[in-house]
């Protein structure tokens, strides 16, 4: 796998964060939970953030040590397996408090990877 291939996982993380945040734009916690389809779409993208994180190698993770990689993956596992349940206020907290700084933190490793070979 080339260094550029590694960057694709970081790009995926950014894309899934962006989708979840855009789906939640203009909503409150109450209106989010009332819109089942949007809520499910956000949950799916939070799951995909964690799935992509599982593929980011340690060398790339080291470029952003402030990113809580293990917590992101653990959240993915909770969403994917659903048997533990996640409260709506937890999803709202992830949207409000975790995804915006995560997006910012992921720009650093993406910019530090070498350009893709032509």
N, C-alpha and C. Protein backbone atom coordinates (compact mmCIF):
# COMPACT_ATOMS: atom_id res chain seq x y z
N UNK A 1 0.85 -1.18 0.00
CA UNK A 1 0.00 0.00 0.00
C UNK A 1 0.89 1.23 0.00
N UNK A 2 0.62 2.17 -0.86
CA UNK A 2 1.42 3.39 -0.94
C UNK A 2 0.99 4.37 0.15
N UNK A 3 1.81 5.39 0.38
CA UNK A 3 1.47 6.41 1.36
C UNK A 3 0.17 7.11 0.98
N UNK A 4 -0.06 7.30 -0.31
CA UNK A 4 -1.31 7.95 -0.75
C UNK A 4 -2.51 7.10 -0.38
N UNK A 5 -2.37 5.78 -0.51
CA UNK A 5 -3.46 4.90 -0.11
C UNK A 5 -3.81 5.10 1.36
N UNK A 6 -2.80 5.32 2.18
CA UNK A 6 -3.03 5.56 3.60
C UNK A 6 -3.84 6.83 3.79
N UNK A 7 -3.57 7.83 2.97
CA UNK A 7 -4.30 9.09 3.06
C UNK A 7 -5.76 8.95 2.72
N UNK A 8 -6.11 7.94 1.95
CA UNK A 8 -7.51 7.75 1.60
C UNK A 8 -8.37 7.48 2.83
N UNK A 9 -7.83 6.76 3.79
CA UNK A 9 -8.59 6.50 5.01
C UNK A 9 -8.84 7.79 5.78
N UNK A 10 -7.85 8.66 5.81
CA UNK A 10 -8.03 9.95 6.49
C UNK A 10 -9.05 10.78 5.72
N UNK A 11 -8.99 10.75 4.39
CA UNK A 11 -10.00 11.46 3.60
C UNK A 11 -11.39 10.89 3.86
N UNK A 12 -11.49 9.58 4.01
CA UNK A 12 -12.78 8.97 4.34
C UNK A 12 -13.29 9.50 5.68
N UNK A 13 -12.40 9.55 6.67
CA UNK A 13 -12.80 10.08 7.98
C UNK A 13 -13.35 11.49 7.85
N UNK A 14 -12.66 12.32 7.09
CA UNK A 14 -13.12 13.69 6.89
C UNK A 14 -14.48 13.73 6.20
N UNK A 15 -14.64 12.89 5.19
CA UNK A 15 -15.92 12.85 4.46
C UNK A 15 -17.07 12.42 5.36
N UNK A 16 -16.86 11.37 6.15
CA UNK A 16 -17.93 10.87 7.00
C UNK A 16 -18.26 11.87 8.12
N UNK A 17 -17.24 12.52 8.67
CA UNK A 17 -17.49 13.59 9.65
C UNK A 17 -18.34 14.69 9.02
N UNK A 18 -17.95 15.09 7.83
CA UNK A 18 -18.67 16.16 7.13
C UNK A 18 -20.11 15.80 6.85
N UNK A 19 -20.35 14.56 6.43
CA UNK A 19 -21.72 14.14 6.17
C UNK A 19 -22.56 14.17 7.43
N UNK A 20 -22.04 13.61 8.52
CA UNK A 20 -22.80 13.60 9.76
C UNK A 20 -23.12 15.02 10.21
N UNK A 21 -22.14 15.90 10.12
CA UNK A 21 -22.36 17.28 10.54
C UNK A 21 -23.34 18.00 9.61
N UNK A 22 -23.26 17.74 8.32
CA UNK A 22 -24.19 18.41 7.41
C UNK A 22 -25.61 17.90 7.60
N UNK A 23 -25.77 16.61 7.89
CA UNK A 23 -27.10 16.06 8.14
C UNK A 23 -27.72 16.65 9.40
N UNK A 24 -26.88 17.05 10.35
CA UNK A 24 -27.37 17.60 11.61
C UNK A 24 -27.49 19.12 11.60
N UNK A 25 -27.04 19.75 10.52
CA UNK A 25 -27.04 21.22 10.46
C UNK A 25 -28.44 21.77 10.68
N UNK A 26 -28.54 22.75 11.55
CA UNK A 26 -29.81 23.42 11.81
C UNK A 26 -30.74 22.67 12.74
N UNK A 27 -30.33 21.53 13.22
CA UNK A 27 -31.19 20.75 14.10
C UNK A 27 -30.84 20.98 15.56
N UNK A 28 -31.78 20.68 16.40
CA UNK A 28 -31.54 20.59 17.83
C UNK A 28 -31.54 19.11 18.19
N UNK A 29 -31.17 18.80 19.40
CA UNK A 29 -31.21 17.39 19.81
C UNK A 29 -32.62 16.83 19.67
N UNK A 30 -33.62 17.61 20.03
CA UNK A 30 -35.01 17.15 19.96
C UNK A 30 -35.45 16.92 18.51
N UNK A 31 -35.11 17.85 17.61
CA UNK A 31 -35.54 17.67 16.22
C UNK A 31 -34.74 16.56 15.54
N UNK A 32 -33.51 16.35 15.99
CA UNK A 32 -32.71 15.25 15.44
C UNK A 32 -33.35 13.91 15.78
N UNK A 33 -33.70 13.72 17.01
CA UNK A 33 -34.26 12.43 17.41
C UNK A 33 -35.66 12.21 16.84
N UNK A 34 -36.34 13.29 16.47
CA UNK A 34 -37.67 13.17 15.87
C UNK A 34 -37.60 12.78 14.39
N UNK A 35 -36.44 12.95 13.77
CA UNK A 35 -36.26 12.64 12.35
C UNK A 35 -35.47 11.34 12.23
N UNK A 36 -36.18 10.23 12.23
CA UNK A 36 -35.55 8.91 12.30
C UNK A 36 -34.60 8.65 11.14
N UNK A 37 -34.97 9.08 9.94
CA UNK A 37 -34.11 8.81 8.79
C UNK A 37 -32.79 9.58 8.91
N UNK A 38 -32.88 10.83 9.29
CA UNK A 38 -31.66 11.64 9.44
C UNK A 38 -30.81 11.10 10.59
N UNK A 39 -31.47 10.72 11.68
CA UNK A 39 -30.77 10.16 12.83
C UNK A 39 -30.01 8.90 12.42
N UNK A 40 -30.67 8.03 11.67
CA UNK A 40 -30.02 6.80 11.20
C UNK A 40 -28.85 7.10 10.27
N UNK A 41 -29.00 8.09 9.41
CA UNK A 41 -27.91 8.46 8.50
C UNK A 41 -26.71 8.99 9.29
N UNK A 42 -26.97 9.75 10.32
CA UNK A 42 -25.89 10.27 11.16
C UNK A 42 -25.21 9.12 11.89
N UNK A 43 -26.00 8.21 12.46
CA UNK A 43 -25.42 7.05 13.14
C UNK A 43 -24.52 6.26 12.19
N UNK A 44 -24.99 6.06 10.98
CA UNK A 44 -24.21 5.30 10.00
C UNK A 44 -22.88 5.99 9.71
N UNK A 45 -22.89 7.30 9.56
CA UNK A 45 -21.65 8.01 9.27
C UNK A 45 -20.71 8.02 10.47
N UNK A 46 -21.25 8.06 11.68
CA UNK A 46 -20.40 7.94 12.87
C UNK A 46 -19.77 6.55 12.90
N UNK A 47 -20.54 5.55 12.53
CA UNK A 47 -20.00 4.19 12.43
C UNK A 47 -18.88 4.13 11.40
N UNK A 48 -19.09 4.76 10.25
CA UNK A 48 -18.09 4.75 9.19
C UNK A 48 -16.82 5.51 9.57
N UNK A 49 -16.96 6.55 10.39
CA UNK A 49 -15.78 7.24 10.91
C UNK A 49 -14.92 6.24 11.67
N UNK A 50 -15.54 5.48 12.54
CA UNK A 50 -14.80 4.48 13.31
C UNK A 50 -14.24 3.37 12.46
N UNK A 51 -14.99 2.94 11.47
CA UNK A 51 -14.49 1.88 10.58
C UNK A 51 -13.26 2.35 9.82
N UNK A 52 -13.31 3.55 9.28
CA UNK A 52 -12.14 4.08 8.58
C UNK A 52 -10.96 4.22 9.53
N UNK A 53 -11.22 4.61 10.78
CA UNK A 53 -10.14 4.78 11.76
C UNK A 53 -9.42 3.46 12.03
N UNK A 54 -10.14 2.35 11.93
CA UNK A 54 -9.49 1.05 12.18
C UNK A 54 -8.42 0.75 11.14
N UNK A 55 -8.51 1.38 9.98
CA UNK A 55 -7.57 1.12 8.89
C UNK A 55 -6.40 2.10 8.84
N UNK A 56 -6.45 3.12 9.67
CA UNK A 56 -5.36 4.11 9.69
C UNK A 56 -4.20 3.50 10.46
N UNK A 57 -3.05 3.33 9.81
CA UNK A 57 -1.91 2.70 10.48
C UNK A 57 -1.33 3.59 11.58
N UNK A 58 -0.62 2.95 12.49
CA UNK A 58 -0.03 3.67 13.62
C UNK A 58 0.86 4.82 13.18
N UNK A 59 1.59 4.66 12.09
CA UNK A 59 2.48 5.72 11.62
C UNK A 59 1.70 6.97 11.24
N UNK A 60 0.53 6.81 10.68
CA UNK A 60 -0.31 7.95 10.32
C UNK A 60 -1.01 8.49 11.56
N UNK A 61 -1.45 7.60 12.44
CA UNK A 61 -2.08 8.04 13.70
C UNK A 61 -1.12 8.90 14.51
N UNK A 62 0.16 8.55 14.45
CA UNK A 62 1.17 9.31 15.22
C UNK A 62 1.27 10.76 14.76
N UNK A 63 0.84 11.05 13.55
CA UNK A 63 0.86 12.43 13.05
C UNK A 63 -0.19 13.30 13.73
N UNK A 64 -1.19 12.67 14.35
CA UNK A 64 -2.24 13.39 15.09
C UNK A 64 -2.48 12.69 16.43
N UNK A 65 -1.53 12.82 17.35
CA UNK A 65 -1.69 12.11 18.63
C UNK A 65 -2.87 12.62 19.47
N UNK A 66 -3.37 13.82 19.16
CA UNK A 66 -4.50 14.36 19.91
C UNK A 66 -5.83 13.71 19.53
N UNK A 67 -5.84 12.98 18.44
CA UNK A 67 -7.05 12.28 18.00
C UNK A 67 -7.25 11.04 18.88
N UNK A 68 -8.41 10.89 19.49
CA UNK A 68 -8.67 9.73 20.36
C UNK A 68 -9.02 8.49 19.53
N UNK A 69 -8.05 7.92 18.87
CA UNK A 69 -8.27 6.82 17.92
C UNK A 69 -9.04 5.67 18.55
N UNK A 70 -8.63 5.24 19.73
CA UNK A 70 -9.28 4.09 20.37
C UNK A 70 -10.73 4.40 20.72
N UNK A 71 -10.99 5.62 21.15
CA UNK A 71 -12.36 6.01 21.49
C UNK A 71 -13.23 6.05 20.24
N UNK A 72 -12.68 6.52 19.13
CA UNK A 72 -13.43 6.56 17.86
C UNK A 72 -13.81 5.15 17.44
N UNK A 73 -12.86 4.23 17.55
CA UNK A 73 -13.12 2.84 17.17
C UNK A 73 -14.11 2.19 18.13
N UNK A 74 -13.99 2.48 19.41
CA UNK A 74 -14.93 1.93 20.40
C UNK A 74 -16.35 2.43 20.15
N UNK A 75 -16.47 3.70 19.76
CA UNK A 75 -17.79 4.24 19.44
C UNK A 75 -18.37 3.53 18.24
N UNK A 76 -17.54 3.28 17.24
CA UNK A 76 -17.98 2.52 16.06
C UNK A 76 -18.53 1.16 16.46
N UNK A 77 -17.83 0.50 17.37
CA UNK A 77 -18.26 -0.83 17.80
C UNK A 77 -19.61 -0.77 18.51
N UNK A 78 -19.80 0.24 19.32
CA UNK A 78 -21.10 0.39 20.01
C UNK A 78 -22.22 0.65 19.02
N UNK A 79 -21.96 1.50 18.03
CA UNK A 79 -22.99 1.80 17.03
C UNK A 79 -23.27 0.58 16.17
N UNK A 80 -22.21 -0.07 15.71
CA UNK A 80 -22.36 -1.20 14.79
C UNK A 80 -23.08 -2.38 15.42
N UNK A 81 -22.79 -2.64 16.67
CA UNK A 81 -23.38 -3.81 17.31
C UNK A 81 -24.69 -3.49 18.01
N UNK A 82 -24.94 -2.24 18.25
CA UNK A 82 -26.23 -1.77 18.72
C UNK A 82 -26.79 -2.40 19.98
N UNK A 83 -26.24 -3.52 20.38
CA UNK A 83 -26.82 -4.19 21.54
C UNK A 83 -26.56 -3.44 22.84
N UNK A 84 -25.60 -2.56 22.85
CA UNK A 84 -25.33 -1.76 24.04
C UNK A 84 -26.18 -0.50 24.07
N UNK A 85 -26.68 -0.11 22.92
CA UNK A 85 -27.49 1.09 22.82
C UNK A 85 -26.68 2.36 23.05
N UNK A 86 -27.04 3.38 22.37
CA UNK A 86 -26.41 4.68 22.54
C UNK A 86 -27.52 5.69 22.70
N UNK A 87 -27.46 6.44 23.77
CA UNK A 87 -28.49 7.45 24.04
C UNK A 87 -28.39 8.58 23.02
N UNK A 88 -29.53 9.15 22.71
CA UNK A 88 -29.58 10.26 21.75
C UNK A 88 -28.69 11.41 22.21
N UNK A 89 -28.64 11.65 23.51
CA UNK A 89 -27.79 12.76 23.99
C UNK A 89 -26.31 12.47 23.76
N UNK A 90 -25.93 11.21 23.72
CA UNK A 90 -24.54 10.86 23.40
C UNK A 90 -24.25 11.16 21.94
N UNK A 91 -25.17 10.82 21.06
CA UNK A 91 -24.99 11.12 19.63
C UNK A 91 -24.93 12.63 19.44
N UNK A 92 -25.80 13.35 20.11
CA UNK A 92 -25.79 14.81 20.01
C UNK A 92 -24.45 15.37 20.50
N UNK A 93 -23.93 14.83 21.58
CA UNK A 93 -22.65 15.27 22.11
C UNK A 93 -21.52 15.00 21.11
N UNK A 94 -21.55 13.84 20.47
CA UNK A 94 -20.54 13.52 19.46
C UNK A 94 -20.60 14.54 18.33
N UNK A 95 -21.80 14.85 17.88
CA UNK A 95 -21.97 15.83 16.80
C UNK A 95 -21.48 17.22 17.21
N UNK A 96 -21.84 17.62 18.40
CA UNK A 96 -21.54 18.98 18.86
C UNK A 96 -20.10 19.15 19.34
N UNK A 97 -19.60 18.15 20.08
CA UNK A 97 -18.33 18.32 20.78
C UNK A 97 -17.15 17.57 20.17
N UNK A 98 -17.41 16.49 19.45
CA UNK A 98 -16.31 15.63 19.01
C UNK A 98 -15.98 15.73 17.52
N UNK A 99 -17.00 15.73 16.68
CA UNK A 99 -16.72 15.71 15.24
C UNK A 99 -16.07 17.00 14.72
N UNK A 100 -16.49 18.19 15.13
CA UNK A 100 -15.81 19.39 14.61
C UNK A 100 -14.31 19.43 14.91
N UNK A 101 -13.87 19.18 16.16
CA UNK A 101 -12.43 19.19 16.39
C UNK A 101 -11.71 18.01 15.73
N UNK A 102 -12.42 16.89 15.57
CA UNK A 102 -11.81 15.74 14.88
C UNK A 102 -11.49 16.11 13.44
N UNK A 103 -12.42 16.77 12.77
CA UNK A 103 -12.16 17.19 11.38
C UNK A 103 -10.92 18.06 11.32
N UNK A 104 -10.81 19.01 12.24
CA UNK A 104 -9.64 19.90 12.23
C UNK A 104 -8.36 19.12 12.48
N UNK A 105 -8.39 18.18 13.41
CA UNK A 105 -7.19 17.40 13.75
C UNK A 105 -6.76 16.49 12.62
N UNK A 106 -7.69 16.06 11.78
CA UNK A 106 -7.36 15.13 10.69
C UNK A 106 -6.69 15.82 9.50
N UNK A 107 -6.78 17.13 9.43
CA UNK A 107 -6.15 17.85 8.33
C UNK A 107 -4.63 17.73 8.43
N UNK A 108 -4.09 17.74 9.65
CA UNK A 108 -2.64 17.67 9.85
C UNK A 108 -2.02 16.42 9.24
N UNK A 109 -2.52 15.21 9.57
CA UNK A 109 -1.88 14.04 8.97
C UNK A 109 -2.06 13.98 7.45
N UNK A 110 -3.18 14.46 6.99
CA UNK A 110 -3.43 14.44 5.55
C UNK A 110 -2.42 15.30 4.83
N UNK A 111 -2.12 16.47 5.39
CA UNK A 111 -1.15 17.38 4.78
C UNK A 111 0.28 16.91 4.91
N UNK A 112 0.56 16.02 5.84
CA UNK A 112 1.93 15.54 6.06
C UNK A 112 2.28 14.31 5.24
N UNK A 113 1.28 13.67 4.66
CA UNK A 113 1.57 12.51 3.82
C UNK A 113 2.14 12.97 2.49
N UNK A 114 3.05 12.18 1.94
CA UNK A 114 3.61 12.57 0.65
C UNK A 114 2.53 12.56 -0.45
N UNK A 115 2.70 13.37 -1.47
CA UNK A 115 1.71 13.38 -2.56
C UNK A 115 1.64 12.02 -3.25
N UNK A 116 0.50 11.75 -3.81
CA UNK A 116 0.31 10.48 -4.52
C UNK A 116 1.23 10.44 -5.74
N UNK A 117 1.78 9.27 -6.01
CA UNK A 117 2.60 9.16 -7.22
C UNK A 117 1.74 9.34 -8.47
N UNK A 118 2.35 9.94 -9.47
CA UNK A 118 1.61 10.20 -10.71
C UNK A 118 1.45 8.96 -11.54
